[in-house]
């Protein structure tokens, strides 16, 4: 059963390992092309002069939640001195035709003269993760991702403190703080800072978990094309997930209910 679970999660991961870019057409919406000699092959963050304050606020709410550093783990600890390397993927549906996304992205001009492709109906973000247990209670972690054919990437780091609640029949609880940022684009700065509470229970190889979180999203425009106030908002979320361990291998799936709905999974190995 453990092996079948890991194989299933591996299949899901291998079929979605890419940044999201699509060809879905929206004839009533003007798609913005690269206009200043940009050479990226994929859709990239370039603010358009038509971006409004309300669209910017919506972008901050949704994009800030997307770059949030999902725990993809229960409240348990790796064990002092151990570390974990993993690949993860998050998948978030968006309305690509909304001004929040259409006016913050620009798209490459096709050599054939065809219309440029859209960002896509969802954002898929593969990322590399590293975790290390400083003690039996304290872990630190990080993630990083970069679309090599576009102008953006994201990174984040976190700290987690875990304890076993003896009064709750062995349920483990953890407090976690994380910070994530976007890097690369010249037109805007985006970040998310979050505080989480997690609770989980281990049964042999299975560890389901539940969590609550509050995030602070902030986006600042850094271009002369618009004059907008810095966008800020608080983003509450509920986290539901489970982790599977098999020898030194591990896999996790997680659903994040917040300003957007994000499904994430992770495959890794601990040493």
Protein backbone atom coordinates (compact mmCIF):
# COMPACT_ATOMS: atom_id res chain seq x y z
CA UNK A 1 0.00 0.00 0.00
CA UNK A 2 2.84 2.40 0.83
CA UNK A 3 4.62 1.64 -2.44
CA UNK A 4 1.41 2.06 -4.46
CA UNK A 5 0.78 5.43 -2.81
CA UNK A 6 4.26 6.67 -3.66
CA UNK A 7 4.01 5.45 -7.27
CA UNK A 8 0.65 7.17 -7.66
CA UNK A 9 2.00 10.47 -6.35
CA UNK A 10 5.07 10.14 -8.59
CA UNK A 11 2.83 9.75 -11.64
CA UNK A 12 0.88 12.90 -10.75
CA UNK A 13 4.10 14.81 -10.24
CA UNK A 14 5.71 13.73 -13.51
CA UNK A 15 2.68 14.71 -15.59
CA UNK A 16 2.46 18.29 -14.23
CA UNK A 17 6.08 19.34 -13.79
CA UNK A 18 5.95 22.68 -15.60
CA UNK A 19 5.11 26.31 -15.23
CA UNK A 20 1.58 26.96 -16.47
CA UNK A 21 1.21 28.51 -19.93
CA UNK A 22 -1.82 27.97 -22.14
CA UNK A 23 -3.45 28.79 -25.46
CA UNK A 24 -7.02 29.36 -24.29
CA UNK A 25 -8.53 32.29 -26.19
CA UNK A 26 -10.51 35.21 -24.75
CA UNK A 27 -11.63 37.24 -27.78
CA UNK A 28 -13.19 40.03 -25.70
CA UNK A 29 -9.96 40.76 -23.80
CA UNK A 30 -6.85 42.38 -25.25
CA UNK A 31 -3.76 40.29 -24.54
CA UNK A 32 -0.63 42.36 -23.97
CA UNK A 33 2.49 41.59 -25.99
CA UNK A 34 6.12 42.39 -25.25
CA UNK A 35 6.67 45.95 -26.49
CA UNK A 36 10.19 46.95 -25.42
CA UNK A 37 12.45 44.34 -26.97
CA UNK A 38 11.93 41.68 -24.30
CA UNK A 39 13.31 38.31 -25.35
CA UNK A 40 11.75 35.89 -22.84
CA UNK A 41 10.16 32.83 -24.42
CA UNK A 42 7.37 32.59 -21.82
CA UNK A 43 4.79 34.96 -20.36
CA UNK A 44 6.48 37.31 -17.90
CA UNK A 45 5.63 39.94 -15.30
CA UNK A 46 5.39 43.29 -17.13
CA UNK A 47 2.89 45.83 -15.82
CA UNK A 48 0.62 47.44 -18.41
CA UNK A 49 -0.32 51.11 -18.13
CA UNK A 50 -4.03 50.18 -17.90
CA UNK A 51 -3.61 48.38 -14.55
CA UNK A 52 -6.01 49.87 -11.98
CA UNK A 53 -5.75 50.05 -8.19
CA UNK A 54 -8.55 47.51 -7.68
CA UNK A 55 -6.91 45.10 -10.13
CA UNK A 56 -3.60 45.58 -8.33
CA UNK A 57 -5.28 44.80 -5.00
CA UNK A 58 -6.77 41.62 -6.43
CA UNK A 59 -3.42 40.59 -7.88
CA UNK A 60 -1.83 41.05 -4.47
CA UNK A 61 -4.47 38.88 -2.78
CA UNK A 62 -4.18 36.05 -5.29
CA UNK A 63 -0.48 36.12 -6.19
CA UNK A 64 0.56 36.59 -2.56
CA UNK A 65 -1.37 33.45 -1.67
CA UNK A 66 0.16 31.54 -4.59
CA UNK A 67 3.76 32.20 -3.52
CA UNK A 68 2.97 31.21 0.11
CA UNK A 69 5.43 28.54 1.32
CA UNK A 70 3.10 25.58 1.89
CA UNK A 71 4.23 23.31 4.74
CA UNK A 72 3.47 20.06 2.86
CA UNK A 73 4.17 18.27 6.12
CA UNK A 74 2.48 17.55 9.40
CA UNK A 75 3.55 18.75 12.81
CA UNK A 76 6.17 16.01 13.24
CA UNK A 77 9.92 16.65 13.20
CA UNK A 78 12.54 14.95 11.03
CA UNK A 79 14.75 14.28 14.06
CA UNK A 80 17.82 16.18 15.18
CA UNK A 81 20.52 16.39 12.50
CA UNK A 82 18.39 14.91 9.69
CA UNK A 83 17.59 16.70 6.43
CA UNK A 84 15.12 16.28 3.58
CA UNK A 85 15.48 17.10 -0.11
CA UNK A 86 12.33 17.17 -2.21
CA UNK A 87 10.60 18.37 -5.35
CA UNK A 88 7.15 19.90 -5.03
CA UNK A 89 4.41 21.23 -7.25
CA UNK A 90 1.58 23.66 -6.53
CA UNK A 91 -1.43 24.07 -8.80
CA UNK A 92 -3.73 27.12 -8.52
CA UNK A 93 -6.63 27.98 -10.86
CA UNK A 94 -6.84 31.68 -11.81
CA UNK A 95 -8.96 33.89 -14.07
CA UNK A 96 -6.31 34.73 -16.67
CA UNK A 97 -8.65 37.15 -18.47
CA UNK A 98 -9.07 39.38 -15.39
CA UNK A 99 -7.20 42.67 -15.27
CA UNK A 100 -5.39 41.46 -12.16
CA UNK A 101 -3.45 38.95 -14.29
CA UNK A 102 -3.76 40.24 -17.85
CA UNK A 103 -2.48 43.71 -16.89
CA UNK A 104 0.45 42.40 -14.84
CA UNK A 105 1.70 39.98 -17.52
CA UNK A 106 2.95 40.42 -21.07
CA UNK A 107 3.40 37.70 -23.65
CA UNK A 108 5.97 36.84 -26.32
CA UNK A 109 5.22 37.61 -29.97
CA UNK A 110 5.07 34.43 -32.02
CA UNK A 111 7.50 34.32 -34.96
CA UNK A 112 4.77 32.88 -37.19
CA UNK A 113 2.68 36.01 -36.67
CA UNK A 114 0.05 34.16 -34.67
CA UNK A 115 -1.52 35.69 -31.60
CA UNK A 116 0.53 35.26 -28.40
CA UNK A 117 -0.52 32.49 -26.02
CA UNK A 118 -2.20 33.19 -22.70
CA UNK A 119 -0.78 32.60 -19.26
CA UNK A 120 -3.17 29.67 -18.81
CA UNK A 121 -6.21 28.89 -16.62
CA UNK A 122 -3.99 27.78 -13.73
CA UNK A 123 -0.57 28.51 -12.30
CA UNK A 124 1.67 25.44 -11.92
CA UNK A 125 4.83 26.06 -9.91
CA UNK A 126 7.45 23.30 -9.55
CA UNK A 127 9.96 23.99 -6.81
CA UNK A 128 12.96 22.52 -5.02
CA UNK A 129 12.83 22.22 -1.21
CA UNK A 130 15.32 21.62 1.59
CA UNK A 131 14.60 20.96 5.29
CA UNK A 132 16.97 20.49 8.22
CA UNK A 133 16.19 19.62 11.84
CA UNK A 134 18.28 21.74 14.20
CA UNK A 135 16.85 19.87 17.22
CA UNK A 136 14.08 17.35 17.89
CA UNK A 137 11.68 20.31 18.08
CA UNK A 138 13.03 22.92 15.65
CA UNK A 139 13.24 22.63 11.85
CA UNK A 140 14.20 25.16 9.22
CA UNK A 141 13.40 24.94 5.54
CA UNK A 142 13.60 26.75 2.22
CA UNK A 143 12.27 26.54 -1.32
CA UNK A 144 13.22 28.07 -4.64
CA UNK A 145 11.83 28.05 -8.16
CA UNK A 146 12.64 29.89 -11.40
CA UNK A 147 11.08 29.75 -14.85
CA UNK A 148 14.23 29.82 -17.03
CA UNK A 149 12.24 31.09 -20.00
CA UNK A 150 10.58 33.99 -18.13
CA UNK A 151 11.62 36.91 -15.93
CA UNK A 152 10.44 35.64 -12.55
CA UNK A 153 11.14 33.19 -9.77
CA UNK A 154 10.14 32.71 -6.13
CA UNK A 155 11.95 31.71 -2.96
CA UNK A 156 11.00 31.27 0.67
CA UNK A 157 12.17 30.07 4.06
CA UNK A 158 10.48 28.91 7.27
CA UNK A 159 10.99 27.85 10.89
CA UNK A 160 8.83 25.24 12.65
CA UNK A 161 8.62 24.31 16.34
CA UNK A 162 7.01 20.94 17.16
CA UNK A 163 5.76 19.30 20.35
CA UNK A 164 3.80 16.16 21.26
CA UNK A 165 0.62 17.03 23.16
CA UNK A 166 0.42 14.18 25.67
CA UNK A 167 -3.00 15.36 26.81
CA UNK A 168 -4.34 14.80 23.27
CA UNK A 169 -3.40 11.12 22.95
CA UNK A 170 -0.16 11.66 21.11
CA UNK A 171 -1.34 14.34 18.69
CA UNK A 172 1.58 16.48 17.54
CA UNK A 173 1.25 20.25 17.27
CA UNK A 174 3.56 22.77 15.63
CA UNK A 175 3.90 26.52 15.20
CA UNK A 176 5.44 27.74 11.98
CA UNK A 177 6.44 31.07 10.41
CA UNK A 178 7.40 31.54 6.76
CA UNK A 179 8.39 34.28 4.34
CA UNK A 180 8.32 34.15 0.53
CA UNK A 181 9.30 36.64 -2.15
CA UNK A 182 9.33 37.00 -5.91
CA UNK A 183 12.58 37.90 -7.68
CA UNK A 184 13.38 39.01 -11.21
CA UNK A 185 10.72 41.45 -12.51
CA UNK A 186 11.63 45.14 -12.69
CA UNK A 187 8.02 46.37 -12.48
CA UNK A 188 6.91 45.04 -9.09
CA UNK A 189 7.89 43.50 -5.76
CA UNK A 190 5.73 40.75 -4.21
CA UNK A 191 6.01 39.03 -0.81
CA UNK A 192 4.07 36.85 1.63
CA UNK A 193 4.69 36.41 5.36
CA UNK A 194 2.62 33.77 7.18
CA UNK A 195 2.10 32.21 10.62
CA UNK A 196 0.71 28.66 10.82
CA UNK A 197 -0.58 26.26 13.47
CA UNK A 198 -0.49 22.56 12.54
CA UNK A 199 -1.81 19.42 14.23
CA UNK A 200 -1.19 15.85 13.08
CA UNK A 201 -1.29 12.25 14.24
CA UNK A 202 1.06 9.50 13.02
CA UNK A 203 -0.14 5.96 12.35
CA UNK A 204 2.86 3.94 11.24
CA UNK A 205 3.61 5.31 7.74
CA UNK A 206 0.66 7.73 7.49
CA UNK A 207 0.41 11.23 9.00
CA UNK A 208 -2.75 13.22 8.19
CA UNK A 209 -2.72 16.84 9.33
CA UNK A 210 -4.87 19.93 9.65
CA UNK A 211 -3.75 23.52 9.96
CA UNK A 212 -4.77 27.14 10.11
CA UNK A 213 -2.76 30.09 8.84
CA UNK A 214 -2.83 33.84 8.43
CA UNK A 215 -0.71 35.45 5.73
CA UNK A 216 0.26 39.05 5.03
CA UNK A 217 0.61 39.81 1.31
CA UNK A 218 2.30 42.93 -0.03
CA UNK A 219 2.91 44.10 -3.60
CA UNK A 220 4.64 47.32 -4.62
CA UNK A 221 4.86 48.62 -8.19
CA UNK A 222 8.25 49.97 -9.22
CA UNK A 223 7.55 51.40 -12.67
CA UNK A 224 6.71 54.82 -14.14
CA UNK A 225 3.96 53.27 -16.28
CA UNK A 226 1.46 53.48 -13.38
CA UNK A 227 1.12 55.31 -10.09
CA UNK A 228 -0.50 52.91 -7.63
CA UNK A 229 -0.50 52.60 -3.88
CA UNK A 230 1.25 49.59 -2.37
CA UNK A 231 -1.28 46.73 -2.08
CA UNK A 232 -1.57 44.94 1.27
CA UNK A 233 -3.98 42.40 2.72
CA UNK A 234 -4.34 39.64 5.31
CA UNK A 235 -5.05 36.18 3.91
CA UNK A 236 -6.50 33.50 6.24
CA UNK A 237 -6.30 29.88 5.10
CA UNK A 238 -7.15 26.33 6.09
CA UNK A 239 -4.67 23.55 5.33
CA UNK A 240 -5.67 19.89 4.89
CA UNK A 241 -3.10 17.28 3.99
CA UNK A 242 -1.42 13.98 4.59
CA UNK A 243 2.14 12.69 4.54
CA UNK A 244 3.35 9.17 3.66
CA UNK A 245 6.73 7.79 4.77
CA UNK A 246 8.37 4.67 3.32
CA UNK A 247 11.89 3.95 4.50
CA UNK A 248 13.85 7.09 3.54
CA UNK A 249 11.26 8.23 0.96
CA UNK A 250 8.34 10.55 1.69
CA UNK A 251 5.37 12.02 -0.17
CA UNK A 252 2.78 14.62 0.78
CA UNK A 253 -0.42 16.07 -0.65
CA UNK A 254 -2.09 19.23 0.61
CA UNK A 255 -5.11 21.39 -0.16
CA UNK A 256 -4.96 25.09 0.72
CA UNK A 257 -8.22 27.03 1.03
CA UNK A 258 -7.50 30.77 1.01
CA UNK A 259 -8.01 33.69 -1.41
CA UNK A 260 -7.38 31.04 -4.06
CA UNK A 261 -7.56 27.24 -3.94
CA UNK A 262 -4.17 25.54 -4.22
CA UNK A 263 -3.45 21.83 -4.53
CA UNK A 264 0.16 20.87 -3.77
CA UNK A 265 2.21 17.70 -3.54
CA UNK A 266 5.78 16.77 -2.73
CA UNK A 267 8.16 13.84 -3.26
CA UNK A 268 11.38 13.68 -1.29
CA UNK A 269 14.00 11.73 0.59
CA UNK A 270 15.32 12.13 4.15
CA UNK A 271 18.85 11.36 5.35
